[in-house]
Amino acid sequence: MLLKKNFSQTTVNGVQMGNGTIQFKSVKLNVHCFLLDGVLIDTAAKSLEKEFTPFFENLDIQQIVITHYHEDHTGCAEMLQRKRQIPLFMNHRMIEYCGRKDDYPLYRKIFWGRRKPFRAKAIGKIFNSPNAVWEVIETPGHAIDHVAFLNRETGQLFTGDLYCQERTKVILREESVPTIIESLKKVLTYDFGDVFCSHAGYLKRGRTALERKLDYLLELQGKIIDLHGKGMPSKEIAITLFPKKYPISYFSSGEWSSIHIVTSVLQEQDKRSFTF
């Protein structure tokens, strides 16, 4: 299988950014790492280690923080620990998982490589870098352990995979749209300026971008509930709202799919109905 890989780097308002891209036919994926004040946010994918290594070698990394356990964010963690003995911190929920051999689907290993086990310490609600205090904001939905990082001194917010794109059309089976909605509402209560997304990169007018995504998901959630209330089954709702077929759905054998958007909304709706 021929994978095309590219790498670029830039600096935006003091944040050093590395961006690696992998493409196979029509499926193209990318991931960013960021460094600010000695803090490396995420470590990219193992399959992009060769591309990211020169970037890492030119950085003064004093500590690593992880937004969530997915392999495109943790793939080079073991290498950085082994070669440079850099302390690494993440949400406690998936520390044990990351200390074991990878067990995710084959297509993800093809794209992102085989993440090697690494050691992590549990991150607290805040942490310090030489010139700043950072807030750790729990933002589950995309992953159970997902967090965002806010530099209190600069007002820069690093959102991991909370944003990715405004108009979400497919999600992972493990994701929950209602939980993502609550996480977006949560981060929007904070005072921040620049926003950096692990896939979209630097977001101009970041707060507005997050607000637009929240509005889109709220509207989408409402449509799903309305159609379900009219008796439409989940699969038909998905076809009605998302008529286009996306290559990643085929390539992932359905792990990425529009149907998961619908089912996550309806599952939450059922929970709330049962509670009442």
C-alpha atoms as a PDB file:
ATOM      1  CA  MET A   1       0.000   0.000   0.000  1.00  0.00           C
ATOM      2  CA  LEU A   2       1.463   3.343  -1.076  1.00  0.00           C
ATOM      3  CA  LEU A   3       0.963   6.105   1.449  1.00  0.00           C
ATOM      4  CA  LYS A   4       1.875   9.659   0.537  1.00  0.00           C
ATOM      5  CA  LYS A   5       3.309  11.623   3.446  1.00  0.00           C
ATOM      6  CA  ASN A   6       4.005  15.330   3.853  1.00  0.00           C
ATOM      7  CA  PHE A   7       5.173  17.549   6.675  1.00  0.00           C
ATOM      8  CA  SER A   8       5.166  21.286   7.262  1.00  0.00           C
ATOM      9  CA  GLN A   9       5.884  23.561  10.178  1.00  0.00           C
ATOM     10  CA  THR A  10       5.173  27.143  11.089  1.00  0.00           C
ATOM     11  CA  THR A  11       4.956  29.465  14.074  1.00  0.00           C
ATOM     12  CA  VAL A  12       1.778  31.381  14.960  1.00  0.00           C
ATOM     13  CA  ASN A  13       1.807  33.897  17.816  1.00  0.00           C
ATOM     14  CA  GLY A  14       4.657  32.104  19.552  1.00  0.00           C
ATOM     15  CA  VAL A  15       3.234  28.604  19.078  1.00  0.00           C
ATOM     16  CA  GLN A  16       5.471  26.269  17.076  1.00  0.00           C
ATOM     17  CA  MET A  17       3.339  23.975  14.936  1.00  0.00           C
ATOM     18  CA  GLY A  18       4.206  20.741  13.133  1.00  0.00           C
ATOM     19  CA  ASN A  19       1.698  19.221  10.723  1.00  0.00           C
ATOM     20  CA  GLY A  20       1.977  15.743   9.206  1.00  0.00           C
ATOM     21  CA  THR A  21      -0.277  14.432   6.428  1.00  0.00           C
ATOM     22  CA  ILE A  22      -0.934  10.887   5.195  1.00  0.00           C
ATOM     23  CA  GLN A  23      -2.916  10.088   2.064  1.00  0.00           C
ATOM     24  CA  PHE A  24      -4.069   6.853   0.455  1.00  0.00           C
ATOM     25  CA  LYS A  25      -6.111   7.396  -2.722  1.00  0.00           C
ATOM     26  CA  SER A  26      -9.013   9.669  -1.717  1.00  0.00           C
ATOM     27  CA  VAL A  27      -8.543   9.282   2.039  1.00  0.00           C
ATOM     28  CA  LYS A  28      -6.342  12.051   3.447  1.00  0.00           C
ATOM     29  CA  LEU A  29      -5.674  12.527   7.152  1.00  0.00           C
ATOM     30  CA  ASN A  30      -3.477  14.949   9.053  1.00  0.00           C
ATOM     31  CA  VAL A  31      -2.410  15.760  12.604  1.00  0.00           C
ATOM     32  CA  HIS A  32      -0.684  18.658  14.384  1.00  0.00           C
ATOM     33  CA  CYS A  33       1.638  18.923  17.364  1.00  0.00           C
ATOM     34  CA  PHE A  34       2.201  22.214  19.179  1.00  0.00           C
ATOM     35  CA  LEU A  35       4.946  23.618  21.395  1.00  0.00           C
ATOM     36  CA  LEU A  36       4.549  26.621  23.678  1.00  0.00           C
ATOM     37  CA  ASP A  37       6.738  27.561  26.649  1.00  0.00           C
ATOM     38  CA  GLY A  38       8.438  24.162  26.764  1.00  0.00           C
ATOM     39  CA  VAL A  39       5.145  22.244  26.607  1.00  0.00           C
ATOM     40  CA  LEU A  40       4.661  19.806  23.720  1.00  0.00           C
ATOM     41  CA  ILE A  41       0.980  19.127  23.097  1.00  0.00           C
ATOM     42  CA  ASP A  42       0.538  15.635  21.599  1.00  0.00           C
ATOM     43  CA  THR A  43       3.208  13.556  19.861  1.00  0.00           C
ATOM     44  CA  ALA A  44       1.730  12.724  16.414  1.00  0.00           C
ATOM     45  CA  ALA A  45       1.497   9.266  14.863  1.00  0.00           C
ATOM     46  CA  LYS A  46       4.117   6.517  14.770  1.00  0.00           C
ATOM     47  CA  SER A  47       3.799   6.365  10.977  1.00  0.00           C
ATOM     48  CA  LEU A  48       4.911  10.011  10.845  1.00  0.00           C
ATOM     49  CA  GLU A  49       7.843   9.616  13.229  1.00  0.00           C
ATOM     50  CA  LYS A  50      10.436  10.127  10.483  1.00  0.00           C
ATOM     51  CA  GLU A  51       8.719  13.319   9.350  1.00  0.00           C
ATOM     52  CA  PHE A  52       8.254  14.739  12.874  1.00  0.00           C
ATOM     53  CA  THR A  53      11.684  13.803  14.292  1.00  0.00           C
ATOM     54  CA  PRO A  54      13.596  16.851  12.899  1.00  0.00           C
ATOM     55  CA  PHE A  55      10.818  19.073  14.248  1.00  0.00           C
ATOM     56  CA  PHE A  56      11.027  17.486  17.695  1.00  0.00           C
ATOM     57  CA  GLU A  57      14.831  17.658  17.721  1.00  0.00           C
ATOM     58  CA  ASN A  58      14.753  21.431  17.266  1.00  0.00           C
ATOM     59  CA  LEU A  59      12.319  21.975  20.142  1.00  0.00           C
ATOM     60  CA  ASP A  60      13.130  22.655  23.776  1.00  0.00           C
ATOM     61  CA  ILE A  61      10.610  20.175  25.157  1.00  0.00           C
ATOM     62  CA  GLN A  62      10.410  20.175  28.948  1.00  0.00           C
ATOM     63  CA  GLN A  63       7.171  18.243  29.301  1.00  0.00           C
ATOM     64  CA  ILE A  64       4.588  16.516  27.124  1.00  0.00           C
ATOM     65  CA  VAL A  65       0.832  16.728  27.619  1.00  0.00           C
ATOM     66  CA  ILE A  66      -1.643  14.570  25.721  1.00  0.00           C
ATOM     67  CA  THR A  67      -5.146  15.641  24.692  1.00  0.00           C
ATOM     68  CA  HIS A  68      -6.391  12.030  24.397  1.00  0.00           C
ATOM     69  CA  TYR A  69      -5.241   8.476  23.895  1.00  0.00           C
ATOM     70  CA  HIS A  70      -5.823   8.005  20.143  1.00  0.00           C
ATOM     71  CA  GLU A  71      -2.761   6.768  18.270  1.00  0.00           C
ATOM     72  CA  ASP A  72      -2.425   9.811  15.998  1.00  0.00           C
ATOM     73  CA  HIS A  73      -1.800  11.850  19.164  1.00  0.00           C
ATOM     74  CA  THR A  74       0.344   9.367  21.116  1.00  0.00           C
ATOM     75  CA  GLY A  75       2.321   7.530  18.435  1.00  0.00           C
ATOM     76  CA  CYS A  76       5.738   9.107  19.099  1.00  0.00           C
ATOM     77  CA  ALA A  77       5.376   9.246  22.884  1.00  0.00           C
ATOM     78  CA  GLU A  78       7.464   6.127  23.481  1.00  0.00           C
ATOM     79  CA  MET A  79      10.265   7.376  21.207  1.00  0.00           C
ATOM     80  CA  LEU A  80      10.442  10.763  22.924  1.00  0.00           C
ATOM     81  CA  GLN A  81      10.507   9.150  26.356  1.00  0.00           C
ATOM     82  CA  ARG A  82      13.159   6.615  25.382  1.00  0.00           C
ATOM     83  CA  LYS A  83      15.467   9.075  23.653  1.00  0.00           C
ATOM     84  CA  ARG A  84      14.958  12.172  25.781  1.00  0.00           C
ATOM     85  CA  GLN A  85      13.397  11.050  29.087  1.00  0.00           C
ATOM     86  CA  ILE A  86      10.745  13.761  28.891  1.00  0.00           C
ATOM     87  CA  PRO A  87       7.959  13.609  31.516  1.00  0.00           C
ATOM     88  CA  LEU A  88       4.547  12.941  29.995  1.00  0.00           C
ATOM     89  CA  PHE A  89       1.083  13.643  31.379  1.00  0.00           C
ATOM     90  CA  MET A  90      -2.460  12.739  30.316  1.00  0.00           C
ATOM     91  CA  ASN A  91      -5.940  12.130  31.667  1.00  0.00           C
ATOM     92  CA  HIS A  92      -5.829   9.174  34.072  1.00  0.00           C
ATOM     93  CA  ARG A  93      -8.646   7.296  32.314  1.00  0.00           C
ATOM     94  CA  MET A  94      -6.493   5.799  29.547  1.00  0.00           C
ATOM     95  CA  ILE A  95      -3.046   5.645  31.142  1.00  0.00           C
ATOM     96  CA  GLU A  96      -3.256   1.884  31.653  1.00  0.00           C
ATOM     97  CA  TYR A  97      -4.441   1.382  28.070  1.00  0.00           C
ATOM     98  CA  CYS A  98      -1.481   3.368  26.689  1.00  0.00           C
ATOM     99  CA  GLY A  99       0.917   1.260  28.753  1.00  0.00           C
ATOM    100  CA  ARG A 100      -0.163  -1.846  26.824  1.00  0.00           C
ATOM    101  CA  LYS A 101       0.390  -3.053  23.262  1.00  0.00           C
ATOM    102  CA  ASP A 102      -1.831  -1.380  20.656  1.00  0.00           C
ATOM    103  CA  ASP A 103      -5.186  -3.050  19.994  1.00  0.00           C
ATOM    104  CA  TYR A 104      -6.956  -0.762  17.528  1.00  0.00           C
ATOM    105  CA  PRO A 105      -8.224  -1.773  14.046  1.00  0.00           C
ATOM    106  CA  LEU A 106      -5.905  -2.671  11.173  1.00  0.00           C
ATOM    107  CA  TYR A 107      -6.799   0.288   8.949  1.00  0.00           C
ATOM    108  CA  ARG A 108      -5.719   2.656  11.754  1.00  0.00           C
ATOM    109  CA  LYS A 109      -2.429   0.793  12.083  1.00  0.00           C
ATOM    110  CA  ILE A 110      -1.930   1.194   8.322  1.00  0.00           C
ATOM    111  CA  PHE A 111      -2.517   4.947   8.492  1.00  0.00           C
ATOM    112  CA  TRP A 112      -1.136   5.874  11.896  1.00  0.00           C
ATOM    113  CA  GLY A 113       1.274   3.030  12.599  1.00  0.00           C
ATOM    114  CA  ARG A 114       1.578   0.775  15.646  1.00  0.00           C
ATOM    115  CA  ARG A 115       1.827   2.851  18.789  1.00  0.00           C
ATOM    116  CA  LYS A 116       4.327   1.409  21.242  1.00  0.00           C
ATOM    117  CA  PRO A 117       3.470   1.298  24.956  1.00  0.00           C
ATOM    118  CA  PHE A 118       4.573   4.335  26.942  1.00  0.00           C
ATOM    119  CA  ARG A 119       4.457   5.572  30.526  1.00  0.00           C
ATOM    120  CA  ALA A 120       2.302   8.503  31.559  1.00  0.00           C
ATOM    121  CA  LYS A 121       1.455  10.257  34.774  1.00  0.00           C
ATOM    122  CA  ALA A 122      -2.018  11.552  35.600  1.00  0.00           C
ATOM    123  CA  ILE A 123      -2.428  15.220  34.809  1.00  0.00           C
ATOM    124  CA  GLY A 124      -4.134  17.459  37.351  1.00  0.00           C
ATOM    125  CA  LYS A 125      -6.581  20.294  36.895  1.00  0.00           C
ATOM    126  CA  ILE A 126      -3.693  22.703  36.317  1.00  0.00           C
ATOM    127  CA  PHE A 127       0.020  22.457  35.536  1.00  0.00           C
ATOM    128  CA  ASN A 128       2.906  24.893  35.250  1.00  0.00           C
ATOM    129  CA  SER A 129       5.424  25.782  32.557  1.00  0.00           C
ATOM    130  CA  PRO A 130       8.303  28.269  33.019  1.00  0.00           C
ATOM    131  CA  ASN A 131       6.172  31.319  32.243  1.00  0.00           C
ATOM    132  CA  ALA A 132       2.574  30.208  32.637  1.00  0.00           C
ATOM    133  CA  VAL A 133      -0.100  28.325  34.502  1.00  0.00           C
ATOM    134  CA  TRP A 134      -2.203  26.019  32.341  1.00  0.00           C
ATOM    135  CA  GLU A 135      -5.812  24.976  32.865  1.00  0.00           C
ATOM    136  CA  VAL A 136      -6.777  21.381  32.033  1.00  0.00           C
ATOM    137  CA  ILE A 137     -10.387  21.281  30.798  1.00  0.00           C
ATOM    138  CA  GLU A 138     -12.113  17.914  30.574  1.00  0.00           C
ATOM    139  CA  THR A 139     -13.885  17.766  27.198  1.00  0.00           C
ATOM    140  CA  PRO A 140     -15.081  14.202  26.537  1.00  0.00           C
ATOM    141  CA  GLY A 141     -17.191  13.205  23.569  1.00  0.00           C
ATOM    142  CA  HIS A 142     -14.611  12.420  20.916  1.00  0.00           C
ATOM    143  CA  ALA A 143     -12.823  10.212  23.445  1.00  0.00           C
ATOM    144  CA  ILE A 144     -13.569   9.360  27.054  1.00  0.00           C
ATOM    145  CA  ASP A 145     -10.302  10.902  28.275  1.00  0.00           C
ATOM    146  CA  HIS A 146     -10.286  13.987  26.046  1.00  0.00           C
ATOM    147  CA  VAL A 147      -8.992  17.252  27.536  1.00  0.00           C
ATOM    148  CA  ALA A 148      -8.230  20.747  26.256  1.00  0.00           C
ATOM    149  CA  PHE A 149      -5.427  22.993  27.513  1.00  0.00           C
ATOM    150  CA  LEU A 150      -5.687  26.729  28.217  1.00  0.00           C
ATOM    151  CA  ASN A 151      -2.570  28.828  28.791  1.00  0.00           C
ATOM    152  CA  ARG A 152      -3.794  31.397  31.318  1.00  0.00           C
ATOM    153  CA  GLU A 153      -1.023  33.889  30.533  1.00  0.00           C
ATOM    154  CA  THR A 154      -1.418  33.967  26.746  1.00  0.00           C
ATOM    155  CA  GLY A 155      -5.101  33.040  26.573  1.00  0.00           C
ATOM    156  CA  GLN A 156      -4.316  30.398  23.934  1.00  0.00           C
ATOM    157  CA  LEU A 157      -6.578  27.342  23.874  1.00  0.00           C
ATOM    158  CA  PHE A 158      -5.542  23.940  22.508  1.00  0.00           C
ATOM    159  CA  THR A 159      -8.663  21.917  21.759  1.00  0.00           C
ATOM    160  CA  GLY A 160      -7.311  18.555  20.566  1.00  0.00           C
ATOM    161  CA  ASP A 161     -10.061  16.913  18.505  1.00  0.00           C
ATOM    162  CA  LEU A 162     -12.976  18.847  19.988  1.00  0.00           C
ATOM    163  CA  TYR A 163     -13.355  20.956  16.823  1.00  0.00           C
ATOM    164  CA  CYS A 164     -11.681  19.237  13.811  1.00  0.00           C
ATOM    165  CA  GLN A 165     -14.218  20.776  11.420  1.00  0.00           C
ATOM    166  CA  GLU A 166     -17.382  22.821  11.711  1.00  0.00           C
ATOM    167  CA  ARG A 167     -19.917  20.621   9.957  1.00  0.00           C
ATOM    168  CA  THR A 168     -19.297  17.099  11.182  1.00  0.00           C
ATOM    169  CA  LYS A 169     -20.620  14.418   8.809  1.00  0.00           C
ATOM    170  CA  VAL A 170     -19.083  11.226  10.217  1.00  0.00           C
ATOM    171  CA  ILE A 171     -17.822  10.250  13.667  1.00  0.00           C
ATOM    172  CA  LEU A 172     -16.148   7.282  15.323  1.00  0.00           C
ATOM    173  CA  ARG A 173     -18.343   4.600  16.829  1.00  0.00           C
ATOM    174  CA  GLU A 174     -17.097   5.561  20.312  1.00  0.00           C
ATOM    175  CA  GLU A 175     -18.032   9.246  19.948  1.00  0.00           C
ATOM    176  CA  SER A 176     -21.090  10.976  21.384  1.00  0.00           C
ATOM    177  CA  VAL A 177     -22.540  14.097  19.780  1.00  0.00           C
ATOM    178  CA  PRO A 178     -24.513  15.125  22.909  1.00  0.00           C
ATOM    179  CA  THR A 179     -21.331  14.861  24.988  1.00  0.00           C
ATOM    180  CA  ILE A 180     -19.379  16.899  22.435  1.00  0.00           C
ATOM    181  CA  ILE A 181     -22.117  19.544  22.626  1.00  0.00           C
ATOM    182  CA  GLU A 182     -21.695  19.764  26.397  1.00  0.00           C
ATOM    183  CA  SER A 183     -17.899  19.979  26.034  1.00  0.00           C
ATOM    184  CA  LEU A 184     -18.203  22.821  23.524  1.00  0.00           C
ATOM    185  CA  LYS A 185     -20.537  24.670  25.874  1.00  0.00           C
ATOM    186  CA  LYS A 186     -18.005  24.155  28.649  1.00  0.00           C
ATOM    187  CA  VAL A 187     -14.948  25.536  26.826  1.00  0.00           C
ATOM    188  CA  LEU A 188     -16.968  28.514  25.633  1.00  0.00           C
ATOM    189  CA  THR A 189     -17.408  29.609  29.263  1.00  0.00           C
ATOM    190  CA  TYR A 190     -13.649  30.266  29.432  1.00  0.00           C
ATOM    191  CA  ASP A 191     -11.873  33.466  28.440  1.00  0.00           C
ATOM    192  CA  PHE A 192      -9.530  32.661  25.547  1.00  0.00           C
ATOM    193  CA  GLY A 193      -8.130  34.151  22.354  1.00  0.00           C
ATOM    194  CA  ASP A 194      -6.200  31.984  19.886  1.00  0.00           C
ATOM    195  CA  VAL A 195      -7.528  28.470  19.280  1.00  0.00           C
ATOM    196  CA  PHE A 196      -5.369  25.607  18.011  1.00  0.00           C
ATOM    197  CA  CYS A 197      -7.002  22.393  16.746  1.00  0.00           C
ATOM    198  CA  SER A 198      -5.039  19.169  16.347  1.00  0.00           C
ATOM    199  CA  HIS A 199      -6.370  18.675  12.812  1.00  0.00           C
ATOM    200  CA  ALA A 200      -7.545  22.071  11.546  1.00  0.00           C
ATOM    201  CA  GLY A 201      -4.494  23.828  13.000  1.00  0.00           C
ATOM    202  CA  TYR A 202      -4.747  27.508  13.945  1.00  0.00           C
ATOM    203  CA  LEU A 203      -8.348  28.698  13.886  1.00  0.00           C
ATOM    204  CA  LYS A 204      -8.775  32.336  12.943  1.00  0.00           C
ATOM    205  CA  ARG A 205     -11.554  33.793  15.099  1.00  0.00           C
ATOM    206  CA  GLY A 206     -11.435  30.622  17.145  1.00  0.00           C
ATOM    207  CA  ARG A 207     -14.287  31.398  19.519  1.00  0.00           C
ATOM    208  CA  THR A 208     -16.580  32.065  16.575  1.00  0.00           C
ATOM    209  CA  ALA A 209     -15.515  28.776  14.973  1.00  0.00           C
ATOM    210  CA  LEU A 210     -16.351  26.836  18.137  1.00  0.00           C
ATOM    211  CA  GLU A 211     -19.682  28.655  18.437  1.00  0.00           C
ATOM    212  CA  ARG A 212     -20.557  27.776  14.841  1.00  0.00           C
ATOM    213  CA  LYS A 213     -19.767  24.125  15.456  1.00  0.00           C
ATOM    214  CA  LEU A 214     -21.932  24.140  18.586  1.00  0.00           C
ATOM    215  CA  ASP A 215     -24.829  25.747  16.682  1.00  0.00           C
ATOM    216  CA  TYR A 216     -24.486  23.178  13.880  1.00  0.00           C
ATOM    217  CA  LEU A 217     -24.516  20.213  16.286  1.00  0.00           C
ATOM    218  CA  LEU A 218     -27.470  21.593  18.242  1.00  0.00           C
ATOM    219  CA  GLU A 219     -29.451  22.035  15.025  1.00  0.00           C
ATOM    220  CA  LEU A 220     -28.426  18.578  13.841  1.00  0.00           C
ATOM    221  CA  GLN A 221     -29.422  17.028  17.157  1.00  0.00           C
ATOM    222  CA  GLY A 222     -32.821  18.700  16.921  1.00  0.00           C
ATOM    223  CA  LYS A 223     -33.411  17.356  13.404  1.00  0.00           C
ATOM    224  CA  ILE A 224     -32.512  13.816  14.470  1.00  0.00           C
ATOM    225  CA  ILE A 225     -34.870  13.904  17.453  1.00  0.00           C
ATOM    226  CA  ASP A 226     -37.656  15.384  15.321  1.00  0.00           C
ATOM    227  CA  LEU A 227     -37.339  12.747  12.580  1.00  0.00           C
ATOM    228  CA  HIS A 228     -37.161   9.970  15.154  1.00  0.00           C
ATOM    229  CA  GLY A 229     -40.294  11.345  16.804  1.00  0.00           C
ATOM    230  CA  LYS A 230     -42.071  11.069  13.448  1.00  0.00           C
ATOM    231  CA  GLY A 231     -41.259   7.360  13.345  1.00  0.00           C
ATOM    232  CA  MET A 232     -38.240   7.380  11.055  1.00  0.00           C
ATOM    233  CA  PRO A 233     -35.691   4.619  11.893  1.00  0.00           C
ATOM    234  CA  SER A 234     -32.036   5.438  12.557  1.00  0.00           C
ATOM    235  CA  LYS A 235     -30.655   4.258   9.218  1.00  0.00           C
ATOM    236  CA  GLU A 236     -33.214   6.256   7.286  1.00  0.00           C
ATOM    237  CA  ILE A 237     -32.453   9.352   9.372  1.00  0.00           C
ATOM    238  CA  ALA A 238     -28.758   8.955   8.545  1.00  0.00           C
ATOM    239  CA  ILE A 239     -29.458   8.610   4.821  1.00  0.00           C
ATOM    240  CA  THR A 240     -31.811  11.610   4.887  1.00  0.00           C
ATOM    241  CA  LEU A 241     -29.419  13.928   6.712  1.00  0.00           C
ATOM    242  CA  PHE A 242     -26.171  12.592   5.228  1.00  0.00           C
ATOM    243  CA  PRO A 243     -26.893  11.376   1.675  1.00  0.00           C
ATOM    244  CA  LYS A 244     -23.251  11.531   0.621  1.00  0.00           C
ATOM    245  CA  LYS A 245     -21.078   8.454   1.096  1.00  0.00           C
ATOM    246  CA  TYR A 246     -17.640   9.121   2.588  1.00  0.00           C
ATOM    247  CA  PRO A 247     -14.559   7.033   1.660  1.00  0.00           C
ATOM    248  CA  ILE A 248     -13.447   6.784   5.296  1.00  0.00           C
ATOM    249  CA  SER A 249     -16.661   4.875   6.091  1.00  0.00           C
ATOM    250  CA  TYR A 250     -15.777   2.154   3.585  1.00  0.00           C
ATOM    251  CA  PHE A 251     -12.096   2.122   4.441  1.00  0.00           C
ATOM    252  CA  SER A 252     -12.825   1.787   8.183  1.00  0.00           C
ATOM    253  CA  SER A 253     -15.523  -0.874   7.701  1.00  0.00           C
ATOM    254  CA  GLY A 254     -18.025   1.441   9.358  1.00  0.00           C
ATOM    255  CA  GLU A 255     -16.027   2.509  12.403  1.00  0.00           C
ATOM    256  CA  TRP A 256     -16.333   6.025  10.960  1.00  0.00           C
ATOM    257  CA  SER A 257     -19.924   6.600   9.868  1.00  0.00           C
ATOM    258  CA  SER A 258     -22.802   9.061   9.815  1.00  0.00           C
ATOM    259  CA  ILE A 259     -25.018   6.487  11.535  1.00  0.00           C
ATOM    260  CA  HIS A 260     -23.015   6.933  14.744  1.00  0.00           C
ATOM    261  CA  ILE A 261     -24.082  10.585  14.875  1.00  0.00           C
ATOM    262  CA  VAL A 262     -27.717   9.504  14.809  1.00  0.00           C
ATOM    263  CA  THR A 263     -27.393   6.638  17.281  1.00  0.00           C
ATOM    264  CA  SER A 264     -25.411   8.706  19.789  1.00  0.00           C
ATOM    265  CA  VAL A 265     -28.149  11.347  19.829  1.00  0.00           C
ATOM    266  CA  LEU A 266     -30.948   8.813  20.174  1.00  0.00           C
ATOM    267  CA  GLN A 267     -29.137   6.833  22.866  1.00  0.00           C
ATOM    268  CA  GLU A 268     -28.799   9.984  24.945  1.00  0.00           C
ATOM    269  CA  GLN A 269     -32.439  10.805  24.291  1.00  0.00           C
ATOM    270  CA  ASP A 270     -33.443   7.339  25.540  1.00  0.00           C
ATOM    271  CA  LYS A 271     -31.342   7.814  28.681  1.00  0.00           C
ATOM    272  CA  ARG A 272     -33.039  11.104  29.452  1.00  0.00           C
ATOM    273  CA  SER A 273     -36.492   9.639  28.809  1.00  0.00           C
ATOM    274  CA  PHE A 274     -35.730   6.718  31.122  1.00  0.00           C
ATOM    275  CA  THR A 275     -34.457   9.070  33.835  1.00  0.00           C
ATOM    276  CA  PHE A 276     -37.652  11.096  33.775  1.00  0.00           C
END
